[in-house]
Amino acid sequence: MAKVESFELDHNLVKAPYVRPAGVEHNEKGSTVQKYDLRFLQPNEDAFPTAALHTLEHLLATYLRDELEGIIDISPMGCRTGFYMILWDEHEPEKVATALEKTLQRVLETEEVPAVSPVSCGNYKDHSLFSAKEYAKIVLEKGISRNPFQRKGISEFALQQ
């Protein structure tokens, strides 16, 4: 039986919020796909309410594409503590974290959630822009660590360079 990468991660040791490369796949034709763990909330301590998670999914899917090339998909984690992002090629954690920070800043300025209609969304009634903004504030205030096992936001990370 194949191992599932996220099941091998000790969720008791990580310190959210962070970005973490969670896997890279290369095929025989030379294509590369990378998976990222965009963890917003501390596992086993907190979880997004579904309306906030759903709204953040719409906003990240829209706005992160303006910051990073090659995004294939952004999907919420079943545990509701963050998102998985799948992209073409390999991207450095610093680039992904910076793009996520810019995106969350944009979430704070958002006045309307994209694709919220019965035609474009399978559960269009389950959204909360207010809650999405509150969680974006929390993540930005804590800072997004580039290392999942150390609580380092951008200011601490920059000092070590």
N, C-alpha and C. Protein backbone atom coordinates (compact mmCIF):
# COMPACT_ATOMS: atom_id res chain seq x y z
N MET A 1 0.85 -1.17 0.00
CA MET A 1 0.00 0.00 0.00
C MET A 1 0.89 1.24 0.00
N ALA A 2 0.57 2.19 -0.86
CA ALA A 2 1.36 3.42 -0.95
C ALA A 2 1.15 4.28 0.29
N LYS A 3 2.21 4.97 0.68
CA LYS A 3 2.13 5.86 1.84
C LYS A 3 1.52 7.19 1.42
N VAL A 4 0.75 7.79 2.30
CA VAL A 4 0.18 9.12 2.09
C VAL A 4 1.06 10.10 2.86
N GLU A 5 1.67 11.03 2.17
CA GLU A 5 2.65 11.94 2.77
C GLU A 5 2.11 12.64 4.00
N SER A 6 0.91 13.16 3.93
CA SER A 6 0.37 13.91 5.07
C SER A 6 0.10 13.02 6.29
N PHE A 7 -0.09 11.72 6.07
CA PHE A 7 -0.30 10.80 7.19
C PHE A 7 1.02 10.49 7.91
N GLU A 8 2.14 10.77 7.25
CA GLU A 8 3.46 10.56 7.83
C GLU A 8 3.93 11.77 8.65
N LEU A 9 3.28 12.91 8.47
CA LEU A 9 3.64 14.14 9.18
C LEU A 9 3.16 14.06 10.62
N ASP A 10 4.04 14.35 11.58
CA ASP A 10 3.62 14.40 12.98
C ASP A 10 2.92 15.74 13.23
N HIS A 11 1.61 15.70 13.25
CA HIS A 11 0.81 16.92 13.42
C HIS A 11 0.95 17.54 14.80
N ASN A 12 1.55 16.82 15.74
CA ASN A 12 1.79 17.37 17.08
C ASN A 12 3.03 18.26 17.11
N LEU A 13 3.89 18.15 16.11
CA LEU A 13 5.15 18.89 16.11
C LEU A 13 5.13 20.17 15.28
N VAL A 14 4.21 20.26 14.33
CA VAL A 14 4.18 21.45 13.48
C VAL A 14 3.63 22.65 14.24
N LYS A 15 4.01 23.83 13.76
CA LYS A 15 3.61 25.09 14.40
C LYS A 15 3.03 26.02 13.34
N ALA A 16 1.72 26.05 13.25
CA ALA A 16 1.02 26.87 12.25
C ALA A 16 0.95 28.33 12.70
N PRO A 17 0.81 29.23 11.76
CA PRO A 17 0.70 29.07 10.31
C PRO A 17 2.07 28.93 9.63
N TYR A 18 2.08 28.17 8.53
CA TYR A 18 3.31 27.94 7.77
C TYR A 18 2.97 27.52 6.35
N VAL A 19 4.01 27.54 5.50
CA VAL A 19 3.95 26.91 4.19
C VAL A 19 4.99 25.79 4.22
N ARG A 20 4.64 24.66 3.59
CA ARG A 20 5.54 23.50 3.61
C ARG A 20 5.44 22.75 2.29
N PRO A 21 6.58 22.58 1.60
CA PRO A 21 6.54 21.69 0.44
C PRO A 21 6.18 20.28 0.92
N ALA A 22 5.15 19.71 0.34
CA ALA A 22 4.64 18.43 0.82
C ALA A 22 4.81 17.31 -0.20
N GLY A 23 5.52 17.59 -1.27
CA GLY A 23 5.78 16.53 -2.24
C GLY A 23 6.06 17.09 -3.61
N VAL A 24 6.84 16.33 -4.37
CA VAL A 24 7.17 16.66 -5.76
C VAL A 24 7.08 15.37 -6.57
N GLU A 25 6.44 15.45 -7.71
CA GLU A 25 6.34 14.30 -8.60
C GLU A 25 6.92 14.70 -9.97
N HIS A 26 7.73 13.80 -10.52
CA HIS A 26 8.30 13.98 -11.86
C HIS A 26 7.84 12.79 -12.70
N ASN A 27 7.41 13.05 -13.94
CA ASN A 27 7.04 11.92 -14.79
C ASN A 27 8.10 11.70 -15.87
N GLU A 28 7.92 10.63 -16.62
CA GLU A 28 8.91 10.26 -17.63
C GLU A 28 8.99 11.24 -18.79
N LYS A 29 8.00 12.12 -18.93
CA LYS A 29 8.01 13.12 -20.00
C LYS A 29 8.68 14.42 -19.56
N GLY A 30 9.13 14.46 -18.29
CA GLY A 30 9.83 15.65 -17.80
C GLY A 30 8.95 16.66 -17.08
N SER A 31 7.69 16.35 -16.87
CA SER A 31 6.80 17.25 -16.15
C SER A 31 7.04 17.14 -14.65
N THR A 32 6.89 18.25 -13.96
CA THR A 32 7.04 18.30 -12.51
C THR A 32 5.81 18.93 -11.90
N VAL A 33 5.27 18.28 -10.87
CA VAL A 33 4.13 18.81 -10.12
C VAL A 33 4.54 18.83 -8.65
N GLN A 34 4.24 19.94 -7.98
CA GLN A 34 4.58 20.09 -6.57
C GLN A 34 3.31 20.32 -5.75
N LYS A 35 3.30 19.75 -4.55
CA LYS A 35 2.18 19.95 -3.62
C LYS A 35 2.69 20.75 -2.43
N TYR A 36 1.91 21.74 -2.01
CA TYR A 36 2.23 22.55 -0.84
C TYR A 36 1.16 22.41 0.23
N ASP A 37 1.59 22.39 1.46
CA ASP A 37 0.73 22.43 2.65
C ASP A 37 0.71 23.89 3.08
N LEU A 38 -0.44 24.54 2.94
CA LEU A 38 -0.63 25.92 3.39
C LEU A 38 -1.43 25.84 4.68
N ARG A 39 -0.74 25.76 5.80
CA ARG A 39 -1.40 25.51 7.09
C ARG A 39 -1.67 26.82 7.78
N PHE A 40 -2.93 27.10 8.05
CA PHE A 40 -3.35 28.34 8.70
C PHE A 40 -3.53 28.18 10.20
N LEU A 41 -4.10 27.04 10.61
CA LEU A 41 -4.47 26.82 12.01
C LEU A 41 -3.72 25.63 12.59
N GLN A 42 -3.51 25.65 13.88
CA GLN A 42 -2.78 24.58 14.55
C GLN A 42 -3.60 23.29 14.54
N PRO A 43 -3.02 22.21 13.97
CA PRO A 43 -3.74 20.94 13.95
C PRO A 43 -4.14 20.48 15.35
N ASN A 44 -5.29 19.88 15.44
CA ASN A 44 -5.84 19.30 16.66
C ASN A 44 -6.13 20.33 17.76
N GLU A 45 -6.04 21.61 17.43
CA GLU A 45 -6.38 22.67 18.39
C GLU A 45 -7.47 23.59 17.86
N ASP A 46 -7.53 23.76 16.55
CA ASP A 46 -8.48 24.69 15.96
C ASP A 46 -8.89 24.15 14.60
N ALA A 47 -9.99 24.65 14.07
CA ALA A 47 -10.46 24.28 12.74
C ALA A 47 -11.35 25.40 12.22
N PHE A 48 -11.31 25.60 10.91
CA PHE A 48 -12.17 26.59 10.28
C PHE A 48 -13.63 26.14 10.34
N PRO A 49 -14.54 27.07 10.60
CA PRO A 49 -15.95 26.76 10.32
C PRO A 49 -16.09 26.64 8.80
N THR A 50 -17.04 25.84 8.33
CA THR A 50 -17.11 25.55 6.90
C THR A 50 -17.33 26.81 6.05
N ALA A 51 -18.11 27.77 6.49
CA ALA A 51 -18.36 28.96 5.68
C ALA A 51 -17.08 29.77 5.48
N ALA A 52 -16.26 29.90 6.51
CA ALA A 52 -14.99 30.62 6.38
C ALA A 52 -14.04 29.87 5.46
N LEU A 53 -13.95 28.54 5.64
CA LEU A 53 -13.09 27.71 4.81
C LEU A 53 -13.50 27.80 3.35
N HIS A 54 -14.78 27.72 3.09
CA HIS A 54 -15.30 27.76 1.73
C HIS A 54 -14.99 29.10 1.07
N THR A 55 -15.20 30.18 1.80
CA THR A 55 -14.92 31.51 1.26
C THR A 55 -13.43 31.69 1.00
N LEU A 56 -12.60 31.26 1.94
CA LEU A 56 -11.15 31.35 1.72
C LEU A 56 -10.73 30.52 0.51
N GLU A 57 -11.35 29.37 0.33
CA GLU A 57 -11.03 28.56 -0.85
C GLU A 57 -11.30 29.34 -2.13
N HIS A 58 -12.44 30.01 -2.23
CA HIS A 58 -12.76 30.81 -3.41
C HIS A 58 -11.75 31.94 -3.59
N LEU A 59 -11.43 32.62 -2.49
CA LEU A 59 -10.53 33.78 -2.58
C LEU A 59 -9.09 33.35 -2.90
N LEU A 60 -8.62 32.29 -2.27
CA LEU A 60 -7.26 31.81 -2.57
C LEU A 60 -7.19 31.31 -4.01
N ALA A 61 -8.19 30.56 -4.44
CA ALA A 61 -8.19 30.02 -5.80
C ALA A 61 -8.14 31.15 -6.83
N THR A 62 -8.75 32.27 -6.52
CA THR A 62 -8.76 33.41 -7.43
C THR A 62 -7.49 34.25 -7.31
N TYR A 63 -7.16 34.67 -6.09
CA TYR A 63 -6.09 35.65 -5.90
C TYR A 63 -4.67 35.07 -5.93
N LEU A 64 -4.48 33.84 -5.46
CA LEU A 64 -3.13 33.26 -5.49
C LEU A 64 -2.64 33.08 -6.92
N ARG A 65 -3.55 32.87 -7.84
CA ARG A 65 -3.16 32.72 -9.25
C ARG A 65 -2.58 34.01 -9.81
N ASP A 66 -2.90 35.14 -9.21
CA ASP A 66 -2.30 36.41 -9.62
C ASP A 66 -0.87 36.54 -9.11
N GLU A 67 -0.50 35.76 -8.11
CA GLU A 67 0.82 35.86 -7.47
C GLU A 67 1.77 34.75 -7.89
N LEU A 68 1.25 33.58 -8.21
CA LEU A 68 2.09 32.42 -8.55
C LEU A 68 1.65 31.83 -9.88
N GLU A 69 2.60 31.51 -10.72
CA GLU A 69 2.29 30.86 -11.98
C GLU A 69 2.19 29.35 -11.79
N GLY A 70 1.34 28.75 -12.58
CA GLY A 70 1.29 27.30 -12.63
C GLY A 70 0.41 26.62 -11.60
N ILE A 71 -0.46 27.36 -10.92
CA ILE A 71 -1.35 26.71 -9.95
C ILE A 71 -2.35 25.83 -10.69
N ILE A 72 -2.41 24.58 -10.26
CA ILE A 72 -3.37 23.63 -10.82
C ILE A 72 -4.63 23.62 -9.96
N ASP A 73 -4.45 23.57 -8.64
CA ASP A 73 -5.61 23.48 -7.74
C ASP A 73 -5.24 23.94 -6.34
N ILE A 74 -6.22 24.49 -5.66
CA ILE A 74 -6.12 24.81 -4.23
C ILE A 74 -7.36 24.20 -3.59
N SER A 75 -7.14 23.30 -2.63
CA SER A 75 -8.25 22.57 -2.02
C SER A 75 -8.14 22.61 -0.51
N PRO A 76 -9.28 22.71 0.18
CA PRO A 76 -9.23 22.68 1.64
C PRO A 76 -8.86 21.30 2.17
N MET A 77 -8.15 21.27 3.28
CA MET A 77 -7.83 20.01 3.95
C MET A 77 -9.09 19.50 4.65
N GLY A 78 -9.22 18.21 4.69
CA GLY A 78 -10.36 17.61 5.38
C GLY A 78 -10.43 17.96 6.85
N CYS A 79 -9.27 18.19 7.47
CA CYS A 79 -9.23 18.55 8.89
C CYS A 79 -9.61 20.01 9.13
N ARG A 80 -9.75 20.77 8.05
CA ARG A 80 -10.15 22.19 8.09
C ARG A 80 -9.15 23.08 8.82
N THR A 81 -7.84 22.77 8.68
CA THR A 81 -6.81 23.63 9.27
C THR A 81 -6.00 24.37 8.22
N GLY A 82 -6.26 24.12 6.95
CA GLY A 82 -5.52 24.78 5.89
C GLY A 82 -5.92 24.26 4.53
N PHE A 83 -4.99 24.42 3.58
CA PHE A 83 -5.25 24.10 2.19
C PHE A 83 -4.06 23.37 1.58
N TYR A 84 -4.34 22.56 0.57
CA TYR A 84 -3.29 22.00 -0.27
C TYR A 84 -3.30 22.77 -1.57
N MET A 85 -2.12 23.09 -2.05
CA MET A 85 -1.97 23.76 -3.34
C MET A 85 -1.11 22.86 -4.23
N ILE A 86 -1.59 22.60 -5.42
CA ILE A 86 -0.87 21.79 -6.41
C ILE A 86 -0.47 22.73 -7.54
N LEU A 87 0.83 22.68 -7.92
CA LEU A 87 1.30 23.55 -9.00
C LEU A 87 2.30 22.85 -9.90
N TRP A 88 2.43 23.37 -11.10
CA TRP A 88 3.45 22.90 -12.02
C TRP A 88 4.80 23.42 -11.55
N ASP A 89 5.83 22.60 -11.73
CA ASP A 89 7.22 22.97 -11.42
C ASP A 89 7.42 23.12 -9.92
N GLU A 90 8.66 23.37 -9.52
CA GLU A 90 8.98 23.51 -8.10
C GLU A 90 9.08 24.99 -7.74
N HIS A 91 8.59 25.33 -6.55
CA HIS A 91 8.59 26.71 -6.05
C HIS A 91 9.20 26.71 -4.65
N GLU A 92 10.00 27.72 -4.37
CA GLU A 92 10.63 27.84 -3.06
C GLU A 92 9.61 28.30 -2.01
N PRO A 93 9.75 27.82 -0.77
CA PRO A 93 8.83 28.23 0.30
C PRO A 93 8.74 29.75 0.47
N GLU A 94 9.84 30.45 0.31
CA GLU A 94 9.81 31.91 0.45
C GLU A 94 8.88 32.55 -0.57
N LYS A 95 8.96 32.09 -1.80
CA LYS A 95 8.11 32.62 -2.86
C LYS A 95 6.63 32.33 -2.57
N VAL A 96 6.35 31.12 -2.13
CA VAL A 96 4.97 30.72 -1.82
C VAL A 96 4.45 31.51 -0.62
N ALA A 97 5.25 31.64 0.42
CA ALA A 97 4.82 32.38 1.62
C ALA A 97 4.56 33.84 1.30
N THR A 98 5.42 34.45 0.52
CA THR A 98 5.23 35.85 0.14
C THR A 98 3.95 36.02 -0.68
N ALA A 99 3.72 35.10 -1.61
CA ALA A 99 2.49 35.15 -2.41
C ALA A 99 1.26 34.97 -1.53
N LEU A 100 1.33 34.07 -0.55
CA LEU A 100 0.20 33.85 0.36
C LEU A 100 -0.05 35.09 1.22
N GLU A 101 1.00 35.73 1.69
CA GLU A 101 0.84 36.96 2.48
C GLU A 101 0.17 38.05 1.66
N LYS A 102 0.59 38.23 0.42
CA LYS A 102 -0.03 39.24 -0.45
C LYS A 102 -1.50 38.90 -0.70
N THR A 103 -1.77 37.62 -0.87
CA THR A 103 -3.14 37.17 -1.11
C THR A 103 -4.03 37.42 0.11
N LEU A 104 -3.52 37.13 1.30
CA LEU A 104 -4.32 37.36 2.51
C LEU A 104 -4.55 38.85 2.75
N GLN A 105 -3.58 39.68 2.39
CA GLN A 105 -3.79 41.14 2.46
C GLN A 105 -4.93 41.53 1.54
N ARG A 106 -4.95 40.94 0.38
CA ARG A 106 -6.01 41.23 -0.59
C ARG A 106 -7.36 40.74 -0.09
N VAL A 107 -7.38 39.60 0.62
CA VAL A 107 -8.62 39.11 1.22
C VAL A 107 -9.20 40.16 2.16
N LEU A 108 -8.33 40.82 2.93
CA LEU A 108 -8.80 41.85 3.87
C LEU A 108 -9.45 43.03 3.16
N GLU A 109 -9.08 43.26 1.91
CA GLU A 109 -9.62 44.38 1.13
C GLU A 109 -10.82 43.99 0.27
N THR A 110 -11.15 42.71 0.25
CA THR A 110 -12.20 42.18 -0.61
C THR A 110 -13.58 42.60 -0.12
N GLU A 111 -14.41 42.94 -1.07
CA GLU A 111 -15.80 43.30 -0.75
C GLU A 111 -16.80 42.30 -1.28
N GLU A 112 -16.34 41.40 -2.18
CA GLU A 112 -17.26 40.43 -2.77
C GLU A 112 -16.51 39.13 -3.04
N VAL A 113 -17.15 38.03 -2.74
CA VAL A 113 -16.55 36.70 -2.96
C VAL A 113 -16.85 36.28 -4.39
N PRO A 114 -15.80 35.88 -5.13
CA PRO A 114 -16.04 35.45 -6.51
C PRO A 114 -16.75 34.10 -6.58
N ALA A 115 -17.50 33.92 -7.64
CA ALA A 115 -18.14 32.64 -7.98
C ALA A 115 -19.09 32.13 -6.90
N VAL A 116 -19.95 33.01 -6.42
CA VAL A 116 -20.95 32.62 -5.41
C VAL A 116 -22.34 32.74 -6.04
N SER A 117 -22.70 31.70 -6.76
CA SER A 117 -24.03 31.61 -7.37
C SER A 117 -24.35 30.14 -7.53
N PRO A 118 -25.61 29.80 -7.73
CA PRO A 118 -25.96 28.40 -7.92
C PRO A 118 -25.31 27.79 -9.16
N VAL A 119 -24.94 28.61 -10.13
CA VAL A 119 -24.31 28.12 -11.35
C VAL A 119 -22.83 27.82 -11.12
N SER A 120 -22.13 28.70 -10.37
CA SER A 120 -20.67 28.59 -10.25
C SER A 120 -20.19 27.91 -8.97
N CYS A 121 -21.09 27.58 -8.04
CA CYS A 121 -20.67 27.01 -6.77
C CYS A 121 -21.68 25.96 -6.32
N GLY A 122 -21.16 24.84 -5.85
CA GLY A 122 -22.01 23.73 -5.44
C GLY A 122 -22.67 23.89 -4.08
N ASN A 123 -22.26 24.91 -3.32
CA ASN A 123 -22.88 25.19 -2.02
C ASN A 123 -22.81 26.69 -1.78
N TYR A 124 -23.39 27.45 -2.71
CA TYR A 124 -23.24 28.90 -2.74
C TYR A 124 -23.79 29.62 -1.52
N LYS A 125 -24.63 28.98 -0.72
CA LYS A 125 -25.20 29.63 0.46
C LYS A 125 -24.26 29.55 1.68
N ASP A 126 -23.24 28.72 1.60
CA ASP A 126 -22.35 28.48 2.74
C ASP A 126 -21.05 29.26 2.60
N HIS A 127 -21.13 30.57 2.80
CA HIS A 127 -19.97 31.46 2.71
C HIS A 127 -20.03 32.50 3.83
N SER A 128 -18.85 32.95 4.24
CA SER A 128 -18.77 34.06 5.20
C SER A 128 -17.52 34.88 4.91
N LEU A 129 -17.70 35.99 4.23
CA LEU A 129 -16.57 36.89 3.96
C LEU A 129 -16.05 37.47 5.26
N PHE A 130 -16.92 37.80 6.18
CA PHE A 130 -16.50 38.33 7.48
C PHE A 130 -15.55 37.34 8.18
N SER A 131 -15.95 36.08 8.26
CA SER A 131 -15.11 35.08 8.93
C SER A 131 -13.80 34.85 8.19
N ALA A 132 -13.86 34.82 6.86
CA ALA A 132 -12.63 34.64 6.07
C ALA A 132 -11.64 35.77 6.37
N LYS A 133 -12.14 36.98 6.47
CA LYS A 133 -11.27 38.13 6.79
C LYS A 133 -10.70 38.01 8.20
N GLU A 134 -11.49 37.56 9.14
CA GLU A 134 -11.01 37.40 10.51
C GLU A 134 -9.87 36.38 10.59
N TYR A 135 -10.01 35.27 9.87
CA TYR A 135 -8.95 34.27 9.87
C TYR A 135 -7.72 34.77 9.12
N ALA A 136 -7.92 35.51 8.04
CA ALA A 136 -6.78 36.10 7.32
C ALA A 136 -6.00 37.03 8.24
N LYS A 137 -6.70 37.82 9.04
CA LYS A 137 -6.04 38.71 10.01
C LYS A 137 -5.21 37.92 11.01
N ILE A 138 -5.78 36.85 11.53
CA ILE A 138 -5.08 36.02 12.52
C ILE A 138 -3.77 35.48 11.93
N VAL A 139 -3.84 34.95 10.72
CA VAL A 139 -2.65 34.38 10.09
C VAL A 139 -1.61 35.46 9.84
N LEU A 140 -2.03 36.60 9.33
CA LEU A 140 -1.08 37.68 9.06
C LEU A 140 -0.45 38.23 10.34
N GLU A 141 -1.23 38.31 11.41
CA GLU A 141 -0.68 38.79 12.68
C GLU A 141 0.36 37.83 13.25
N LYS A 142 0.11 36.53 13.12
CA LYS A 142 1.07 35.53 13.62
C LYS A 142 2.29 35.43 12.72
N GLY A 143 2.10 35.69 11.43
CA GLY A 143 3.17 35.54 10.45
C GLY A 143 3.21 34.13 9.90
N ILE A 144 3.54 34.01 8.63
CA ILE A 144 3.59 32.71 7.98
C ILE A 144 5.03 32.21 8.00
N SER A 145 5.24 31.14 8.74
CA SER A 145 6.58 30.56 8.84
C SER A 145 6.93 29.82 7.57
N ARG A 146 8.21 29.83 7.25
CA ARG A 146 8.71 29.07 6.10
C ARG A 146 9.20 27.70 6.55
N ASN A 147 9.15 27.46 7.85
CA ASN A 147 9.56 26.18 8.43
C ASN A 147 8.41 25.68 9.30
N PRO A 148 7.82 24.52 8.98
CA PRO A 148 6.65 24.05 9.72
C PRO A 148 6.94 23.66 11.17
N PHE A 149 8.21 23.49 11.54
CA PHE A 149 8.54 23.03 12.88
C PHE A 149 9.10 24.13 13.78
N GLN A 150 9.21 25.34 13.24
CA GLN A 150 9.66 26.48 14.04
C GLN A 150 8.69 27.63 13.84
N ARG A 151 8.38 28.32 14.91
CA ARG A 151 7.43 29.43 14.83
C ARG A 151 8.19 30.68 14.40
N LYS A 152 8.36 30.81 13.09
CA LYS A 152 9.07 31.96 12.54
C LYS A 152 8.24 32.61 11.47
N GLY A 153 7.85 33.83 11.69
CA GLY A 153 7.16 34.61 10.67
C GLY A 153 8.20 35.31 9.81
N ILE A 154 7.75 36.17 8.95
CA ILE A 154 8.64 36.82 7.98
C ILE A 154 9.73 37.66 8.66
N SER A 155 9.41 38.36 9.75
CA SER A 155 10.41 39.23 10.38
C SER A 155 11.55 38.41 10.97
N GLU A 156 11.25 37.29 11.63
CA GLU A 156 12.30 36.45 12.18
C GLU A 156 13.09 35.76 11.08
N PHE A 157 12.39 35.37 10.01
CA PHE A 157 13.05 34.71 8.89
C PHE A 157 14.04 35.65 8.22
N ALA A 158 13.63 36.89 8.01
CA ALA A 158 14.49 37.88 7.35
C ALA A 158 15.75 38.15 8.17
N LEU A 159 15.63 38.15 9.49
CA LEU A 159 16.78 38.42 10.35
C LEU A 159 17.85 37.33 10.25
N GLN A 160 17.43 36.09 9.89
CA GLN A 160 18.38 34.99 9.82
C GLN A 160 19.10 34.92 8.48
N GLN A 161 18.67 35.68 7.52
CA GLN A 161 19.29 35.63 6.19
C GLN A 161 20.61 36.36 6.14
